[in-house]
Amino acid sequence: MSTMKPTVEESGPVVRPFAAFLQEQSGGQLHTELSTRLHELIEAVRETGKAGTVALKIDVKPIAGTDGRTVTVTDTVTSKVPRTERPKSIFFVDDTGNLSRTDPRQPVLTGLREVEPTPAPTQLRSAQ
C-alpha cells in the first residue's frame, strides 16, 4: 500500500465550482441577473400558481490565432415568467357590428325609481 498522494492523472482533473464562474462572468453581472430573475420568477409563481422557467445559455469560443487556451465566453439569460390573467369583460354585438355593454335585444324598462329603505324599528315589541 502506497502512502503517496494521487497525481492529477490518477484522481481526475480538478473541477472549478460553477458558482465561482457565475460570480466572475461579465464582471458579476451574470450572477446578479440570474439572482434577480429567479426572485421575480418565484414571486410570479406564488402569485399565479403557474410554472415558469429561468434558462442560462453559455457559449464558449476559441479566439482565432491562439492555441485554444484563450476563449471568449458569452452568456444569455432567458426567462418565462407566468402572467396573471387579465380580467375579461362581457359585451354584446349590436346589429351594426359594434360592441355594447348592454344587450341591444333587451328592452329598456322605463319608469323605475329607487325606493328609500324603511327605517328599522327602534323598539321591539312582544306579542302576548
Protein backbone atom coordinates (compact mmCIF):
# COMPACT_ATOMS: atom_id res chain seq x y z
CA MET A 1 0.00 0.00 0.00
CA SER A 2 1.43 3.35 -1.04
CA THR A 3 1.29 6.47 1.11
CA MET A 4 1.95 8.80 -1.81
CA LYS A 5 -0.72 11.37 -2.76
CA PRO A 6 -2.50 10.63 -6.04
CA THR A 7 -1.47 12.69 -9.05
CA VAL A 8 -3.95 14.68 -11.13
CA GLU A 9 -3.96 11.88 -13.71
CA GLU A 10 -4.93 9.26 -11.09
CA SER A 11 -7.71 11.25 -9.41
CA GLY A 12 -9.02 13.17 -12.44
CA PRO A 13 -8.98 16.89 -13.18
CA VAL A 14 -9.76 19.45 -10.52
CA VAL A 15 -13.10 20.99 -11.45
CA ARG A 16 -13.64 24.62 -10.51
CA PRO A 17 -17.05 25.32 -8.88
CA PHE A 18 -19.64 26.61 -11.35
CA ALA A 19 -20.79 29.20 -8.80
CA ALA A 20 -17.34 30.83 -8.94
CA PHE A 21 -17.70 31.21 -12.72
CA LEU A 22 -21.17 32.77 -12.33
CA GLN A 23 -19.83 35.38 -9.94
CA GLU A 24 -16.98 36.35 -12.29
CA GLN A 25 -18.68 36.25 -15.71
CA SER A 26 -19.47 39.72 -17.11
CA GLY A 27 -17.97 41.34 -14.04
CA GLY A 28 -20.52 39.66 -11.78
CA GLN A 29 -23.49 40.88 -13.79
CA LEU A 30 -24.49 37.34 -14.78
CA HIS A 31 -24.80 36.24 -11.15
CA THR A 32 -26.80 39.35 -10.28
CA GLU A 33 -29.13 38.92 -13.26
CA LEU A 34 -29.75 35.25 -12.53
CA SER A 35 -30.47 36.04 -8.88
CA THR A 36 -32.91 38.80 -9.84
CA ARG A 37 -34.68 36.72 -12.50
CA LEU A 38 -35.02 33.76 -10.12
CA HIS A 39 -36.51 36.04 -7.45
CA GLU A 40 -39.00 37.50 -9.95
CA LEU A 41 -39.91 34.00 -11.15
CA ILE A 42 -40.58 32.72 -7.64
CA GLU A 43 -42.79 35.72 -6.87
CA ALA A 44 -44.78 35.26 -10.11
CA VAL A 45 -45.21 31.52 -9.48
CA ARG A 46 -46.52 32.26 -5.98
CA GLU A 47 -48.95 34.89 -7.30
CA THR A 48 -50.29 32.92 -10.27
CA GLY A 49 -49.93 29.30 -9.18
CA LYS A 50 -48.43 28.61 -12.62
CA ALA A 51 -44.98 27.29 -13.58
CA GLY A 52 -42.17 29.30 -15.14
CA THR A 53 -38.50 28.93 -16.07
CA VAL A 54 -35.14 30.68 -16.00
CA ALA A 55 -32.60 29.40 -18.53
CA LEU A 56 -28.88 30.11 -18.87
CA LYS A 57 -27.03 29.53 -22.13
CA ILE A 58 -23.24 29.76 -22.19
CA ASP A 59 -21.30 29.96 -25.45
CA VAL A 60 -17.55 29.28 -25.35
CA LYS A 61 -15.49 30.01 -28.48
CA PRO A 62 -11.75 29.88 -29.05
CA ILE A 63 -10.09 33.11 -30.10
CA ALA A 64 -8.66 32.72 -33.60
CA GLY A 65 -4.88 32.61 -33.82
CA THR A 66 -4.39 31.25 -30.29
CA ASP A 67 -3.54 27.79 -29.07
CA GLY A 68 -7.14 27.16 -27.98
CA ARG A 69 -6.46 28.04 -24.35
CA THR A 70 -7.82 31.58 -24.79
CA VAL A 71 -11.58 31.69 -25.25
CA THR A 72 -14.48 34.12 -25.20
CA VAL A 73 -17.43 33.30 -23.01
CA THR A 74 -20.84 34.76 -23.79
CA ASP A 75 -23.94 34.26 -21.67
CA THR A 76 -27.64 34.57 -22.44
CA VAL A 77 -30.32 34.53 -19.77
CA THR A 78 -33.95 33.95 -20.71
CA SER A 79 -36.98 33.57 -18.51
CA LYS A 80 -40.58 32.60 -18.96
CA VAL A 81 -42.47 34.20 -16.11
CA PRO A 82 -46.12 33.23 -15.66
CA ARG A 83 -48.52 36.12 -16.00
CA THR A 84 -51.74 36.73 -14.19
CA GLU A 85 -54.77 36.52 -16.42
CA ARG A 86 -56.19 39.85 -17.44
CA PRO A 87 -59.82 40.43 -16.45
CA LYS A 88 -62.44 39.64 -19.07
CA SER A 89 -65.41 41.80 -19.98
CA ILE A 90 -68.75 40.82 -21.45
CA PHE A 91 -70.01 42.77 -24.43
CA PHE A 92 -72.90 42.35 -26.83
CA VAL A 93 -72.69 42.86 -30.58
CA ASP A 94 -75.39 45.15 -31.95
CA ASP A 95 -76.94 44.97 -35.42
CA THR A 96 -74.26 47.27 -36.87
CA GLY A 97 -71.40 45.12 -35.57
CA ASN A 98 -70.38 47.38 -32.68
CA LEU A 99 -69.72 46.29 -29.12
CA SER A 100 -72.13 47.39 -26.41
CA ARG A 101 -72.14 46.82 -22.66
CA THR A 102 -75.93 46.41 -22.75
CA ASP A 103 -77.77 43.77 -24.74
CA PRO A 104 -79.44 45.62 -27.63
CA ARG A 105 -82.15 42.89 -27.79
CA GLN A 106 -83.14 43.50 -24.14
CA PRO A 107 -86.00 46.01 -23.83
CA VAL A 108 -85.30 49.08 -21.73
CA LEU A 109 -87.51 49.34 -18.66
CA THR A 110 -88.78 52.86 -18.01
CA GLY A 111 -90.47 54.41 -15.01
CA LEU A 112 -88.29 52.68 -12.44
CA ARG A 113 -87.25 54.58 -9.34
CA GLU A 114 -85.14 53.89 -6.31
CA VAL A 115 -87.09 53.13 -3.14
CA GLU A 116 -85.82 54.53 0.14
CA PRO A 117 -85.12 51.83 2.71
CA THR A 118 -87.57 51.67 5.58
CA PRO A 119 -86.03 52.54 8.93
CA ALA A 120 -85.55 49.67 11.35
CA PRO A 121 -87.82 49.74 14.41
CA THR A 122 -86.13 51.34 17.38
CA GLN A 123 -88.01 49.27 19.96
CA LEU A 124 -89.06 45.68 19.63
CA ARG A 125 -92.45 44.68 20.96
CA SER A 126 -93.53 41.24 22.03
CA ALA A 127 -96.87 39.64 21.29
CA GLN A 128 -98.74 38.13 24.24
